[in-house]
């Protein structure tokens, strides 16, 4: 029997080698790019720290008048937005946040003190020292020595608080009435402050305060 030769020709050795080389380069480039993206994503992290968190409830007010305060610092590598404060799972609206992100490190490290209850209009936190007379924002002059000392001047919030890496903010916040009651004085409560999915939960003791603090 006579064998017939096929007219189909295989790829030349040179062309095959070129295809293998190109495929190898493309694959290697993809691995490098993927590895770089993983490295960048892993090194840039979102993280916050919460210090001096406080909760104060009126000792005799039956409506559940209560306030809180906390210092928050961005200790991560990315700009973040603080967008949620939860007290025992209850959300505090932005309009009830009072924030000051211009304080010095010295003031930020001080304990956040309660200055006493004030009447209407809200906010129902007594102004002290050089802040007496301010009615539209929370203002605390810790040493009470006058206008030449640094104060916390916290404006009412309108939305999330943007914080660059390393920057800090002091937040006073008014809880919705009945979130806490007079019976909660001395009990523990969870304070959860979030920037997106990044959170810094705290478990602190609620302080009952009289009219004079």
Protein backbone atom coordinates (compact mmCIF):
# COMPACT_ATOMS: atom_id res chain seq x y z
CA UNK A 1 0.00 0.00 0.00
CA UNK A 2 1.37 3.42 -0.93
CA UNK A 3 1.35 6.04 1.86
CA UNK A 4 0.09 9.53 0.98
CA UNK A 5 1.82 12.53 2.48
CA UNK A 6 -0.44 15.07 4.23
CA UNK A 7 -0.53 18.59 2.83
CA UNK A 8 -0.92 20.07 6.40
CA UNK A 9 2.31 21.50 7.65
CA UNK A 10 3.27 21.94 11.32
CA UNK A 11 4.30 25.32 12.70
CA UNK A 12 7.94 26.05 12.19
CA UNK A 13 10.25 25.71 15.18
CA UNK A 14 11.08 29.45 15.11
CA UNK A 15 7.42 30.53 15.15
CA UNK A 16 6.64 28.14 17.99
CA UNK A 17 9.53 29.51 20.02
CA UNK A 18 8.36 33.10 19.47
CA UNK A 19 4.82 32.26 20.61
CA UNK A 20 6.10 30.60 23.78
CA UNK A 21 8.34 33.59 24.57
CA UNK A 22 5.51 36.12 24.07
CA UNK A 23 3.11 34.08 26.21
CA UNK A 24 5.72 33.84 28.95
CA UNK A 25 6.29 37.61 28.96
CA UNK A 26 2.56 38.36 29.08
CA UNK A 27 2.01 35.89 31.91
CA UNK A 28 4.97 37.23 33.89
CA UNK A 29 3.73 40.83 33.47
CA UNK A 30 0.29 39.84 34.74
CA UNK A 31 1.77 38.16 37.81
CA UNK A 32 3.88 41.25 38.58
CA UNK A 33 0.91 43.65 38.25
CA UNK A 34 -1.29 41.42 40.40
CA UNK A 35 1.38 41.17 43.06
CA UNK A 36 1.89 44.94 43.06
CA UNK A 37 -1.83 45.59 43.52
CA UNK A 38 -1.94 43.18 46.44
CA UNK A 39 1.08 44.86 48.02
CA UNK A 40 -0.40 48.33 47.69
CA UNK A 41 -3.75 47.21 49.04
CA UNK A 42 -2.11 45.48 51.96
CA UNK A 43 0.11 48.40 52.97
CA UNK A 44 -2.59 51.11 52.84
CA UNK A 45 -4.89 50.50 55.75
CA UNK A 46 -7.82 52.29 57.36
CA UNK A 47 -7.62 52.48 61.13
CA UNK A 48 -8.91 54.80 63.87
CA UNK A 49 -8.32 55.12 67.59
CA UNK A 50 -10.85 56.48 70.08
CA UNK A 51 -9.73 58.06 73.34
CA UNK A 52 -11.43 59.56 76.39
CA UNK A 53 -14.91 58.39 75.37
CA UNK A 54 -17.56 59.58 77.83
CA UNK A 55 -21.30 59.27 78.34
CA UNK A 56 -23.27 61.54 80.69
CA UNK A 57 -26.94 61.21 81.61
CA UNK A 58 -29.00 63.73 83.57
CA UNK A 59 -29.51 62.40 87.09
CA UNK A 60 -33.13 63.56 87.45
CA UNK A 61 -34.42 64.48 83.98
CA UNK A 62 -37.16 62.00 83.06
CA UNK A 63 -36.81 62.58 79.30
CA UNK A 64 -33.46 60.82 79.24
CA UNK A 65 -31.28 63.88 78.50
CA UNK A 66 -27.80 62.56 77.76
CA UNK A 67 -24.59 63.52 75.98
CA UNK A 68 -21.32 61.92 75.06
CA UNK A 69 -17.87 62.91 73.88
CA UNK A 70 -14.82 61.26 72.35
CA UNK A 71 -11.52 62.02 70.68
CA UNK A 72 -10.89 60.23 67.38
CA UNK A 73 -7.58 60.00 65.51
CA UNK A 74 -6.84 58.55 62.07
CA UNK A 75 -3.93 56.16 62.67
CA UNK A 76 -4.11 54.54 59.24
CA UNK A 77 -2.57 55.38 55.87
CA UNK A 78 -5.68 56.56 54.03
CA UNK A 79 -8.09 59.48 54.29
CA UNK A 80 -11.20 58.32 56.14
CA UNK A 81 -14.67 59.68 56.89
CA UNK A 82 -16.21 59.14 60.31
CA UNK A 83 -19.81 58.45 59.37
CA UNK A 84 -21.51 56.69 62.26
CA UNK A 85 -21.80 56.89 66.05
CA UNK A 86 -23.83 54.16 67.70
CA UNK A 87 -24.78 54.10 71.38
CA UNK A 88 -26.23 50.75 72.42
CA UNK A 89 -27.02 50.20 68.77
CA UNK A 90 -28.90 53.52 68.45
CA UNK A 91 -27.59 55.87 65.75
CA UNK A 92 -26.74 59.47 66.65
CA UNK A 93 -27.82 61.79 63.76
CA UNK A 94 -25.21 64.08 62.19
CA UNK A 95 -27.20 67.13 63.31
CA UNK A 96 -26.48 66.10 66.91
CA UNK A 97 -22.70 65.89 66.43
CA UNK A 98 -20.57 68.86 67.50
CA UNK A 99 -17.03 68.59 66.15
CA UNK A 100 -13.73 70.45 66.42
CA UNK A 101 -10.86 69.19 64.26
CA UNK A 102 -8.56 72.17 64.86
CA UNK A 103 -7.46 71.32 68.40
CA UNK A 104 -3.78 70.90 69.29
CA UNK A 105 -2.29 67.59 70.38
CA UNK A 106 -2.04 68.97 73.92
CA UNK A 107 -5.76 69.70 74.11
CA UNK A 108 -6.62 66.45 72.34
CA UNK A 109 -4.82 64.47 75.03
CA UNK A 110 -6.74 66.11 77.87
CA UNK A 111 -9.62 64.34 79.52
CA UNK A 112 -12.97 65.37 78.08
CA UNK A 113 -14.82 66.90 81.00
CA UNK A 114 -18.48 67.48 81.69
CA UNK A 115 -19.15 71.16 82.37
CA UNK A 116 -22.73 71.04 83.62
CA UNK A 117 -26.22 71.08 82.14
CA UNK A 118 -27.60 74.21 80.51
CA UNK A 119 -31.17 75.12 79.69
CA UNK A 120 -32.59 75.91 76.31
CA UNK A 121 -31.65 76.48 73.57
CA UNK A 122 -29.80 73.31 72.81
CA UNK A 123 -27.02 72.20 73.04
CA UNK A 124 -27.62 71.58 76.72
CA UNK A 125 -23.97 71.71 77.72
CA UNK A 126 -22.84 74.64 79.86
CA UNK A 127 -20.22 76.89 78.29
CA UNK A 128 -17.28 77.76 80.48
CA UNK A 129 -14.68 80.51 80.77
CA UNK A 130 -14.28 82.49 77.55
CA UNK A 131 -17.13 80.47 75.99
CA UNK A 132 -19.89 81.92 78.17
CA UNK A 133 -22.59 83.39 75.96
CA UNK A 134 -22.10 81.05 73.01
CA UNK A 135 -25.42 79.44 72.21
CA UNK A 136 -25.06 77.86 68.76
CA UNK A 137 -22.26 75.40 69.39
CA UNK A 138 -20.53 73.41 72.12
CA UNK A 139 -17.64 75.40 73.54
CA UNK A 140 -15.46 74.29 76.45
CA UNK A 141 -12.67 76.35 77.99
CA UNK A 142 -10.98 73.79 80.22
CA UNK A 143 -8.97 76.13 82.40
CA UNK A 144 -11.56 78.92 82.29
CA UNK A 145 -8.89 81.60 82.11
CA UNK A 146 -10.19 83.65 79.22
CA UNK A 147 -10.09 84.21 75.51
CA UNK A 148 -6.33 83.77 75.15
CA UNK A 149 -6.42 80.07 75.97
CA UNK A 150 -7.27 77.27 73.58
CA UNK A 151 -10.84 76.08 73.70
CA UNK A 152 -12.92 73.36 72.13
CA UNK A 153 -15.31 75.15 69.77
CA UNK A 154 -17.42 72.42 68.23
CA UNK A 155 -19.82 73.30 65.43
CA UNK A 156 -22.99 71.37 64.70
CA UNK A 157 -22.42 68.59 62.20
CA UNK A 158 -23.90 68.27 58.73
CA UNK A 159 -22.35 65.00 57.56
CA UNK A 160 -19.36 62.65 57.86
CA UNK A 161 -16.08 63.99 59.28
CA UNK A 162 -13.11 63.68 56.91
CA UNK A 163 -9.78 62.92 58.57
CA UNK A 164 -6.40 62.76 56.86
CA UNK A 165 -3.80 60.28 58.18
CA UNK A 166 -2.51 61.43 61.56
CA UNK A 167 -5.20 64.07 62.11
CA UNK A 168 -7.67 64.09 64.99
CA UNK A 169 -11.07 65.45 65.98
CA UNK A 170 -12.99 65.95 69.22
CA UNK A 171 -16.69 65.14 68.99
CA UNK A 172 -19.42 66.02 71.47
CA UNK A 173 -22.73 64.38 70.65
CA UNK A 174 -26.27 64.60 71.97
CA UNK A 175 -28.08 61.30 72.26
CA UNK A 176 -31.71 61.08 71.26
CA UNK A 177 -33.89 61.31 74.35
CA UNK A 178 -34.52 58.00 76.11
CA UNK A 179 -31.47 56.31 74.58
CA UNK A 180 -30.28 56.41 78.19
CA UNK A 181 -32.29 57.05 81.34
CA UNK A 182 -31.53 58.04 84.90
CA UNK A 183 -31.48 54.34 85.81
CA UNK A 184 -28.46 53.83 83.54
CA UNK A 185 -26.17 55.85 85.77
CA UNK A 186 -23.26 53.60 86.74
CA UNK A 187 -24.09 50.99 84.10
CA UNK A 188 -21.92 50.13 81.10
CA UNK A 189 -22.77 51.00 77.52
CA UNK A 190 -21.18 50.40 74.13
CA UNK A 191 -19.91 53.37 72.13
CA UNK A 192 -19.19 52.44 68.52
CA UNK A 193 -17.60 55.00 66.21
CA UNK A 194 -17.19 53.98 62.57
CA UNK A 195 -15.42 55.20 59.46
CA UNK A 196 -16.98 53.00 56.80
CA UNK A 197 -16.29 49.42 57.86
CA UNK A 198 -13.52 50.52 60.23
CA UNK A 199 -14.71 50.74 63.81
CA UNK A 200 -13.41 51.43 67.28
CA UNK A 201 -15.92 50.04 69.80
CA UNK A 202 -15.64 51.14 73.40
CA UNK A 203 -17.36 49.87 76.52
CA UNK A 204 -17.60 52.63 79.12
CA UNK A 205 -19.40 53.50 82.34
CA UNK A 206 -22.28 55.97 82.11
CA UNK A 207 -21.91 58.89 84.49
CA UNK A 208 -25.00 60.38 86.13
CA UNK A 209 -24.74 64.17 86.45
CA UNK A 210 -26.83 66.65 88.40
CA UNK A 211 -27.86 70.13 87.20
CA UNK A 212 -24.53 71.58 88.31
CA UNK A 213 -22.41 68.74 86.95
